[in-house]
Amino acid sequence: MASAVAIVSSWLNSSPSPSKYSKYQSFHPPPCRVVCSGGGSELPPPVTPDFKFALHDALDSSGEARQNFMSQIKGLSRIEREVSISINRRVDLAKIAIYISAEDFALMSQSSLPLPVDPFIERLFDLTMEFCRSGKVLRASPEALLDSLYKFLYVKKDFRRSNVISRLEPHPLYLHAVLTYQSGSAYMLALIYSEILKVLRFWSLLDFDCEIFFPHDRYGLPRGYHKQKSAESDHPHILTVQTLLEEILKNVKEAFWPFQHDQTKSLFLKAVHAVLCTDRSNVVEESAFQLESAKSRHRRLDRGTSTSLHLGDLRLALSACERLILLEFDPKELRDYSVLLYHCGLYEQSLHYLKLYQDRKGSSLQKQASNELSSLEDEAGEKLMMRLNLISMEEGWSKPSHSGTFLRNNSEPS
């Protein structure tokens, strides 16, 4: 411990250099403890099918960010997905989050200039360096160190939790913006907290079993605790790598889902409802707002422009769905992706993914929960399948006029 303190102190007396940072980035320690034990040896990485994604195939300036995202998650084994974010050292969660930011930033800005990744990763490293400048912190007891880190992050640096997840104010959803505005979702704050712990572990400044308590209420803040002195009630609050990545993308998907007029329905039901709204013969007691919103989306797509933020953003929702599918989160992501493709006019691909969802659902070993919502979703899925089968009988159904222009980034906003 003393030697580690001496090394860190020498680093703090000089400005950080690229070589020191690259040494930190290339650190690969032994395998980590897993939160959920499954018995036996570590399983091989899951086999991800070669999906043909409509948006990914059309990306230009944001395509590199998607490739980097895929390269990061490619090596995630089933065991590593269940590792706590506080002890994970084999997957660079910060880089994955920044790649998500980079892709969506390119889609939102419609700019050919990519979001810089390294400066934001370095900012996380600089936060840890600043925290360690206090000699008392380096020699503190576990409780005192964690208390100091809590005060440093949430008092001195004024990082705040934002529960307002809105497509009009999307910065709490993206790591680069959270580092800029010091305000973000609980998941982003937990990620930042875990990155600081990762560096402290690398420097051997954490010689105890430190875990992150993730709050499930609307006001709590992620904080560290000494696991050996914790209660059993703390364990359900442990956040795994898979859960963190899922929730980050689910938040983005929900924020930019283009069909928000009915808060009582699931995202899929809202989108299928909008499908039916576009055909007056199927509209029963629909409000004028619902009908005009659906028609407005199709008029904008016909002109090759994206939907406005007030009505959601199809490309950002598509992007989130594609990455959730790559994470192998839930077969329902295939279904949700299908209905978005329908609204893009990509009927052949929409039918492909809806059939893929039904195949996955039918072969799933997990018992499907039977409730009113799932019954409504199944019924809506059958209606969507019927419409797609009818459209497939039409000549030239696989060649929509607007989707190619809509999915590609333009050099200037529409």
Protein backbone atom coordinates (compact mmCIF):
# COMPACT_ATOMS: atom_id res chain seq x y z
CA MET A 1 0.00 0.00 0.00
CA ALA A 2 2.79 2.39 0.91
CA SER A 3 4.63 1.78 -2.35
CA ALA A 4 1.44 2.37 -4.30
CA VAL A 5 0.91 5.68 -2.52
CA ALA A 6 4.46 6.70 -3.36
CA ILE A 7 3.97 5.88 -7.05
CA VAL A 8 0.69 7.77 -7.28
CA SER A 9 2.14 10.74 -5.42
CA SER A 10 4.97 10.97 -7.95
CA TRP A 11 2.41 10.95 -10.76
CA LEU A 12 0.40 13.69 -9.13
CA ASN A 13 3.44 15.95 -8.89
CA SER A 14 3.67 16.06 -12.66
CA SER A 15 1.10 16.62 -15.38
CA PRO A 16 -0.41 13.42 -16.85
CA SER A 17 1.34 12.27 -20.00
CA PRO A 18 -0.06 10.24 -22.89
CA SER A 19 2.30 7.37 -22.10
CA LYS A 20 1.00 7.10 -18.54
CA TYR A 21 -2.57 7.14 -19.76
CA SER A 22 -1.90 4.50 -22.40
CA LYS A 23 -0.36 2.30 -19.71
CA TYR A 24 -3.58 2.57 -17.75
CA GLN A 25 -5.65 1.71 -20.83
CA SER A 26 -3.65 -1.41 -21.64
CA PHE A 27 -3.98 -2.92 -18.17
CA HIS A 28 -5.48 -6.45 -18.26
CA PRO A 29 -5.69 -8.05 -14.81
CA PRO A 30 -6.85 -11.60 -14.04
CA PRO A 31 -10.52 -12.59 -14.40
CA CYS A 32 -12.93 -10.95 -11.97
CA ARG A 33 -15.43 -12.24 -9.44
CA VAL A 34 -18.93 -12.74 -10.82
CA VAL A 35 -22.13 -11.55 -9.19
CA CYS A 36 -24.40 -14.38 -10.34
CA SER A 37 -22.76 -17.77 -10.04
CA GLY A 38 -23.69 -20.39 -12.60
CA GLY A 39 -21.24 -23.13 -11.71
CA GLY A 40 -18.61 -24.72 -13.91
CA SER A 41 -16.00 -23.02 -16.04
CA GLU A 42 -16.49 -19.81 -17.95
CA LEU A 43 -18.77 -20.19 -20.95
CA PRO A 44 -17.63 -19.14 -24.44
CA PRO A 45 -18.89 -15.81 -25.82
CA PRO A 46 -22.42 -15.98 -27.21
CA VAL A 47 -22.68 -16.40 -30.96
CA THR A 48 -24.23 -13.26 -32.44
CA PRO A 49 -25.91 -13.74 -35.83
CA ASP A 50 -24.78 -11.57 -38.73
CA PHE A 51 -27.76 -9.22 -38.67
CA LYS A 52 -28.38 -7.03 -41.69
CA PHE A 53 -29.38 -3.81 -40.00
CA ALA A 54 -31.09 -1.16 -42.08
CA LEU A 55 -29.61 1.80 -40.21
CA HIS A 56 -26.10 0.40 -39.75
CA ASP A 57 -25.82 -0.38 -43.46
CA ALA A 58 -26.70 3.25 -44.26
CA LEU A 59 -24.41 4.94 -41.71
CA ASP A 60 -21.53 7.09 -42.87
CA SER A 61 -19.86 9.36 -40.29
CA SER A 62 -21.41 7.39 -37.42
CA GLY A 63 -20.53 4.00 -38.91
CA GLU A 64 -17.10 3.91 -37.27
CA ALA A 65 -18.67 4.43 -33.85
CA ARG A 66 -20.96 1.44 -34.45
CA GLN A 67 -18.02 -0.71 -35.51
CA ASN A 68 -16.13 0.28 -32.36
CA PHE A 69 -19.20 -0.51 -30.24
CA MET A 70 -19.45 -3.95 -31.84
CA SER A 71 -15.75 -4.66 -31.33
CA GLN A 72 -16.08 -3.85 -27.62
CA ILE A 73 -19.08 -6.10 -26.95
CA LYS A 74 -17.90 -8.90 -29.22
CA GLY A 75 -15.69 -10.35 -26.51
CA LEU A 76 -18.35 -10.26 -23.80
CA SER A 77 -18.89 -13.79 -22.54
CA ARG A 78 -21.98 -14.77 -20.59
CA ILE A 79 -19.92 -14.81 -17.41
CA GLU A 80 -18.46 -11.35 -18.02
CA ARG A 81 -21.94 -9.93 -18.64
CA GLU A 82 -22.83 -10.81 -15.04
CA VAL A 83 -19.73 -9.17 -13.53
CA SER A 84 -20.41 -6.17 -11.30
CA ILE A 85 -19.44 -2.87 -12.89
CA SER A 86 -17.45 -1.99 -9.77
CA ILE A 87 -15.01 -4.85 -10.29
CA ASN A 88 -15.13 -5.23 -14.07
CA ARG A 89 -11.70 -4.69 -15.62
CA ARG A 90 -11.90 -6.60 -18.88
CA VAL A 91 -14.50 -4.50 -20.67
CA ASP A 92 -14.08 -0.77 -21.21
CA LEU A 93 -17.56 0.41 -20.29
CA ALA A 94 -16.63 4.07 -20.64
CA LYS A 95 -15.54 3.57 -24.24
CA ILE A 96 -18.71 1.64 -25.05
CA ALA A 97 -20.79 4.51 -23.64
CA ILE A 98 -18.79 7.09 -25.61
CA TYR A 99 -19.25 5.08 -28.82
CA ILE A 100 -23.00 5.17 -28.18
CA SER A 101 -22.70 8.94 -27.78
CA ALA A 102 -20.63 9.27 -30.95
CA GLU A 103 -23.11 7.39 -33.12
CA ASP A 104 -26.16 9.23 -31.82
CA PHE A 105 -24.36 12.59 -31.94
CA ALA A 106 -23.70 12.04 -35.65
CA LEU A 107 -27.36 11.15 -36.21
CA MET A 108 -28.64 14.17 -34.28
CA SER A 109 -26.22 16.72 -35.70
CA GLN A 110 -26.14 15.25 -39.23
CA SER A 111 -22.50 16.29 -39.23
CA SER A 112 -19.60 14.58 -40.99
CA LEU A 113 -17.32 15.51 -38.06
CA PRO A 114 -17.17 12.63 -35.55
CA LEU A 115 -17.46 13.16 -31.82
CA PRO A 116 -13.96 12.92 -30.31
CA VAL A 117 -13.66 9.91 -28.02
CA ASP A 118 -10.25 10.21 -26.34
CA PRO A 119 -10.78 13.63 -24.69
CA PHE A 120 -13.81 12.35 -22.77
CA ILE A 121 -12.02 9.17 -21.69
CA GLU A 122 -9.15 11.35 -20.50
CA ARG A 123 -11.60 13.52 -18.57
CA LEU A 124 -12.65 10.47 -16.57
CA PHE A 125 -8.99 9.74 -15.85
CA ASP A 126 -8.44 13.35 -14.80
CA LEU A 127 -11.32 13.10 -12.32
CA THR A 128 -9.50 10.26 -10.56
CA MET A 129 -6.23 12.18 -10.61
CA GLU A 130 -7.91 15.17 -9.01
CA PHE A 131 -9.52 12.98 -6.35
CA CYS A 132 -6.15 11.47 -5.46
CA ARG A 133 -4.40 14.81 -4.98
CA SER A 134 -5.33 14.73 -1.31
CA GLY A 135 -2.70 12.79 0.65
CA LYS A 136 -5.32 11.94 3.29
CA VAL A 137 -7.41 10.16 0.66
CA LEU A 138 -4.49 7.95 -0.36
CA ARG A 139 -3.96 6.76 3.24
CA ALA A 140 -7.59 6.72 4.35
CA SER A 141 -9.53 3.82 5.84
CA PRO A 142 -12.09 2.12 3.53
CA GLU A 143 -14.99 4.04 5.05
CA ALA A 144 -13.15 7.38 4.96
CA LEU A 145 -12.03 6.83 1.35
CA LEU A 146 -15.56 6.06 0.16
CA ASP A 147 -16.97 9.01 2.09
CA SER A 148 -14.36 11.27 0.48
CA LEU A 149 -15.17 9.94 -2.98
CA TYR A 150 -18.89 10.56 -2.42
CA LYS A 151 -18.23 14.17 -1.36
CA PHE A 152 -15.75 14.71 -4.19
CA LEU A 153 -18.11 13.51 -6.92
CA TYR A 154 -21.44 14.88 -5.69
CA VAL A 155 -20.41 17.93 -3.66
CA LYS A 156 -17.11 19.30 -4.94
CA LYS A 157 -17.61 18.36 -8.61
CA ASP A 158 -21.39 18.85 -8.30
CA PHE A 159 -22.48 15.82 -10.31
CA ARG A 160 -26.27 15.63 -10.07
CA ARG A 161 -28.85 13.05 -10.90
CA SER A 162 -31.39 13.94 -13.55
CA ASN A 163 -34.62 11.96 -13.81
CA VAL A 164 -35.95 14.03 -16.69
CA ILE A 165 -35.28 11.74 -19.64
CA SER A 166 -36.52 13.73 -22.63
CA ARG A 167 -35.76 13.80 -26.33
CA LEU A 168 -35.80 17.59 -26.02
CA GLU A 169 -33.10 17.47 -23.30
CA PRO A 170 -31.13 14.29 -24.08
CA HIS A 171 -27.85 15.13 -22.31
CA PRO A 172 -28.48 12.93 -19.20
CA LEU A 173 -28.49 9.91 -21.55
CA TYR A 174 -24.99 10.31 -22.98
CA LEU A 175 -21.67 10.05 -21.15
CA HIS A 176 -19.93 12.84 -23.05
CA ALA A 177 -22.73 15.27 -22.13
CA VAL A 178 -22.87 14.12 -18.51
CA LEU A 179 -19.15 14.82 -18.16
CA THR A 180 -19.75 18.27 -19.65
CA TYR A 181 -22.86 19.32 -17.70
CA GLN A 182 -22.27 17.28 -14.49
CA SER A 183 -25.86 16.04 -14.71
CA GLY A 184 -27.01 12.62 -15.81
CA SER A 185 -29.07 9.51 -15.23
CA ALA A 186 -28.35 7.21 -12.31
CA TYR A 187 -26.80 4.73 -14.74
CA MET A 188 -24.36 7.31 -16.10
CA LEU A 189 -23.37 8.38 -12.59
CA ALA A 190 -22.81 4.74 -11.65
CA LEU A 191 -20.60 4.32 -14.72
CA ILE A 192 -18.49 7.35 -13.78
CA TYR A 193 -18.21 6.09 -10.18
CA SER A 194 -17.09 2.65 -11.41
CA GLU A 195 -14.44 4.16 -13.70
CA ILE A 196 -12.88 6.00 -10.76
CA LEU A 197 -12.84 2.77 -8.75
CA LYS A 198 -11.19 0.99 -11.69
CA VAL A 199 -8.24 3.38 -11.68
CA LEU A 200 -7.94 3.21 -7.89
CA ARG A 201 -7.78 -0.57 -8.11
CA PHE A 202 -5.14 -0.35 -10.82
CA TRP A 203 -3.05 1.77 -8.47
CA SER A 204 -3.66 -0.72 -5.61
CA LEU A 205 -5.41 1.94 -3.56
CA LEU A 206 -8.41 -0.31 -2.94
CA ASP A 207 -7.30 -3.25 -0.83
CA PHE A 208 -10.84 -4.13 0.24
CA ASP A 209 -13.92 -5.52 -1.48
CA CYS A 210 -15.63 -2.35 -2.67
CA GLU A 211 -19.07 -2.54 -4.30
CA ILE A 212 -21.39 0.11 -5.76
CA PHE A 213 -24.87 0.50 -4.30
CA PHE A 214 -27.16 1.38 -7.21
CA PRO A 215 -30.35 3.19 -6.11
CA HIS A 216 -33.71 2.00 -7.38
CA ASP A 217 -35.60 5.07 -6.20
CA ARG A 218 -35.84 8.42 -7.99
CA TYR A 219 -33.51 10.41 -5.76
CA GLY A 220 -30.65 8.21 -4.53
CA LEU A 221 -27.10 8.44 -5.85
CA PRO A 222 -24.74 5.56 -6.68
CA ARG A 223 -22.23 5.17 -3.86
CA GLY A 224 -19.54 2.75 -2.77
CA TYR A 225 -19.65 0.52 0.27
CA HIS A 226 -17.44 -2.08 1.95
CA LYS A 227 -19.08 -5.32 0.86
CA GLN A 228 -17.72 -7.44 3.68
CA LYS A 229 -19.48 -5.13 6.13
CA SER A 230 -22.69 -4.83 4.14
CA ALA A 231 -26.13 -6.34 4.71
CA GLU A 232 -27.80 -8.89 2.46
CA SER A 233 -30.30 -6.21 1.45
CA ASP A 234 -27.50 -4.37 -0.37
CA HIS A 235 -26.88 -7.21 -2.84
CA PRO A 236 -29.96 -6.64 -5.07
CA HIS A 237 -28.60 -3.14 -5.70
CA ILE A 238 -25.48 -4.47 -7.44
CA LEU A 239 -25.37 -3.42 -11.10
CA THR A 240 -23.90 -5.82 -13.67
CA VAL A 241 -22.21 -5.01 -16.98
CA GLN A 242 -25.11 -6.40 -19.01
CA THR A 243 -27.74 -4.53 -17.01
CA LEU A 244 -25.86 -1.23 -17.27
CA LEU A 245 -25.53 -1.42 -21.05
CA GLU A 246 -29.14 -2.56 -21.45
CA GLU A 247 -30.50 0.30 -19.35
CA ILE A 248 -28.39 2.94 -21.10
CA LEU A 249 -29.79 1.87 -24.47
CA LYS A 250 -33.34 1.35 -23.19
CA ASN A 251 -33.35 4.93 -21.88
CA VAL A 252 -32.29 6.21 -25.30
CA LYS A 253 -34.87 4.06 -27.06
CA GLU A 254 -37.70 5.23 -24.79
CA ALA A 255 -36.70 8.88 -25.04
CA PHE A 256 -36.63 8.96 -28.85
CA TRP A 257 -39.46 6.52 -29.58
CA PRO A 258 -41.55 8.48 -32.11
CA PHE A 259 -44.97 7.47 -30.79
CA GLN A 260 -45.53 9.03 -27.38
CA HIS A 261 -49.13 10.25 -27.39
CA ASP A 262 -50.52 7.41 -25.24
CA GLN A 263 -48.68 6.88 -21.95
CA THR A 264 -50.76 3.79 -21.07
CA LYS A 265 -49.41 1.57 -23.86
CA SER A 266 -46.08 -0.14 -24.36
CA LEU A 267 -43.71 1.25 -26.98
CA PHE A 268 -44.67 -1.51 -29.40
CA LEU A 269 -48.41 -0.92 -28.95
CA LYS A 270 -47.94 2.80 -29.54
CA ALA A 271 -46.13 2.14 -32.81
CA VAL A 272 -48.67 -0.41 -34.06
CA HIS A 273 -51.44 1.99 -33.05
CA ALA A 274 -49.80 4.61 -35.27
CA VAL A 275 -49.74 2.08 -38.13
CA LEU A 276 -53.51 1.71 -37.87
CA CYS A 277 -53.98 5.49 -37.64
CA THR A 278 -52.55 5.96 -41.13
CA ASP A 279 -55.50 4.09 -42.63
CA ARG A 280 -58.79 5.93 -42.07
CA SER A 281 -60.78 2.76 -42.70
CA ASN A 282 -59.28 1.26 -39.55
CA VAL A 283 -59.61 4.31 -37.34
CA VAL A 284 -62.25 4.07 -34.66
CA GLU A 285 -62.70 7.09 -32.42
CA GLU A 286 -59.12 8.26 -33.03
CA SER A 287 -58.26 11.79 -31.98
CA ALA A 288 -57.29 14.32 -34.62
CA PHE A 289 -53.88 14.69 -32.96
CA GLN A 290 -53.12 10.97 -33.22
CA LEU A 291 -54.13 10.82 -36.88
CA GLU A 292 -52.27 13.97 -37.91
CA SER A 293 -49.13 12.94 -36.01
CA ALA A 294 -49.02 9.64 -37.86
CA LYS A 295 -49.64 11.30 -41.23
CA SER A 296 -47.02 13.96 -40.49
CA ARG A 297 -44.36 11.31 -39.89
CA HIS A 298 -45.10 9.71 -43.24
CA ARG A 299 -45.04 13.05 -45.10
CA ARG A 300 -41.62 13.83 -43.63
CA LEU A 301 -40.32 10.40 -44.55
CA ASP A 302 -41.61 10.83 -48.10
CA ARG A 303 -39.50 14.01 -48.33
CA GLY A 304 -36.45 12.12 -47.07
CA THR A 305 -36.23 13.92 -43.72
CA SER A 306 -36.15 12.61 -40.18
CA THR A 307 -38.97 13.09 -37.76
CA SER A 308 -38.78 16.14 -35.52
CA LEU A 309 -37.70 15.84 -31.89
CA HIS A 310 -41.21 16.82 -30.82
CA LEU A 311 -42.50 13.67 -32.53
CA GLY A 312 -39.53 11.51 -31.65
CA ASP A 313 -36.69 10.41 -33.89
CA LEU A 314 -36.91 7.18 -35.86
CA ARG A 315 -33.21 6.93 -36.58
CA LEU A 316 -32.18 7.24 -32.93
CA ALA A 317 -34.83 4.72 -31.93
CA LEU A 318 -33.64 2.37 -34.69
CA SER A 319 -30.05 2.80 -33.55
CA ALA A 320 -30.92 1.89 -29.95
CA CYS A 321 -32.92 -1.17 -31.09
CA GLU A 322 -30.07 -2.43 -33.26
CA ARG A 323 -27.57 -2.19 -30.42
CA LEU A 324 -29.97 -3.87 -27.98
CA ILE A 325 -30.34 -6.72 -30.46
CA LEU A 326 -26.55 -7.02 -30.62
CA LEU A 327 -26.48 -7.22 -26.80
CA GLU A 328 -28.94 -10.14 -27.00
CA PHE A 329 -31.10 -8.40 -24.42
CA ASP A 330 -34.63 -9.53 -25.18
CA PRO A 331 -36.26 -11.12 -28.27
CA LYS A 332 -38.90 -8.36 -28.06
CA GLU A 333 -36.27 -5.96 -29.40
CA LEU A 334 -36.61 -7.77 -32.74
CA ARG A 335 -40.34 -7.09 -32.66
CA ASP A 336 -39.89 -3.43 -31.75
CA TYR A 337 -37.27 -3.04 -34.47
CA SER A 338 -39.69 -4.59 -36.95
CA VAL A 339 -42.43 -2.04 -36.33
CA LEU A 340 -39.94 0.83 -36.68
CA LEU A 341 -38.83 -0.58 -40.03
CA TYR A 342 -42.48 -0.66 -41.07
CA HIS A 343 -42.74 3.09 -40.39
CA CYS A 344 -39.61 3.58 -42.52
CA GLY A 345 -41.31 1.81 -45.41
CA LEU A 346 -38.89 -1.12 -45.23
CA TYR A 347 -41.63 -3.72 -45.34
CA GLU A 348 -39.56 -6.71 -46.44
CA GLN A 349 -37.05 -6.19 -43.62
CA SER A 350 -39.87 -5.50 -41.20
CA LEU A 351 -41.47 -8.84 -42.04
CA HIS A 352 -38.10 -10.60 -41.71
CA TYR A 353 -37.50 -9.32 -38.18
CA LEU A 354 -41.08 -9.93 -37.07
CA LYS A 355 -40.79 -13.56 -38.21
CA LEU A 356 -37.42 -13.80 -36.49
CA TYR A 357 -39.03 -12.58 -33.26
CA GLN A 358 -41.81 -15.14 -33.51
CA ASP A 359 -39.28 -17.92 -34.11
CA ARG A 360 -37.22 -16.82 -31.08
CA LYS A 361 -40.34 -16.51 -28.97
CA GLY A 362 -41.58 -19.94 -29.98
CA SER A 363 -38.24 -21.62 -29.26
CA SER A 364 -37.60 -19.79 -25.98
CA LEU A 365 -37.27 -22.05 -22.96
CA GLN A 366 -38.37 -19.26 -20.65
CA LYS A 367 -42.02 -19.22 -19.68
CA GLN A 368 -43.75 -16.20 -21.17
CA ALA A 369 -45.66 -14.11 -18.66
CA SER A 370 -49.36 -14.07 -19.47
CA ASN A 371 -51.07 -10.80 -18.66
CA GLU A 372 -53.28 -8.23 -20.29
CA LEU A 373 -50.39 -6.25 -21.74
CA SER A 374 -48.67 -9.26 -23.31
CA SER A 375 -52.01 -10.38 -24.79
CA LEU A 376 -52.53 -6.95 -26.34
CA GLU A 377 -48.99 -7.01 -27.74
CA ASP A 378 -49.49 -10.47 -29.22
CA GLU A 379 -52.71 -9.33 -30.86
CA ALA A 380 -50.99 -6.21 -32.23
CA GLY A 381 -48.14 -8.34 -33.55
CA GLU A 382 -50.63 -10.53 -35.42
CA LYS A 383 -52.25 -7.45 -36.99
CA LEU A 384 -48.86 -6.14 -38.06
CA MET A 385 -47.95 -9.53 -39.54
CA MET A 386 -51.24 -9.58 -41.47
CA ARG A 387 -50.61 -6.12 -42.93
CA LEU A 388 -47.05 -7.04 -43.92
CA ASN A 389 -48.21 -10.24 -45.61
CA LEU A 390 -50.79 -8.27 -47.59
CA ILE A 391 -48.19 -5.67 -48.59
CA SER A 392 -45.81 -8.46 -49.66
CA MET A 393 -48.30 -9.45 -52.36
CA GLU A 394 -47.88 -6.08 -54.03
CA GLU A 395 -45.34 -5.70 -56.82
CA GLY A 396 -42.22 -3.73 -55.86
CA TRP A 397 -43.04 -3.88 -52.15
CA SER A 398 -39.38 -4.21 -51.16
CA LYS A 399 -38.31 -0.93 -52.81
CA PRO A 400 -39.58 2.04 -50.79
CA SER A 401 -39.01 5.49 -52.25
CA HIS A 402 -37.90 7.36 -49.13
CA SER A 403 -36.05 5.04 -46.78
CA GLY A 404 -32.61 5.28 -48.39
CA THR A 405 -32.55 9.07 -48.15
CA PHE A 406 -34.02 9.05 -44.66
CA LEU A 407 -31.57 6.59 -43.13
CA ARG A 408 -28.41 8.20 -44.51
CA ASN A 409 -26.96 11.26 -42.83
CA ASN A 410 -27.20 14.48 -44.78
CA SER A 411 -24.49 17.10 -44.62
CA GLU A 412 -26.98 19.68 -43.40
CA PRO A 413 -30.04 19.38 -41.17
CA SER A 414 -33.39 19.28 -42.91
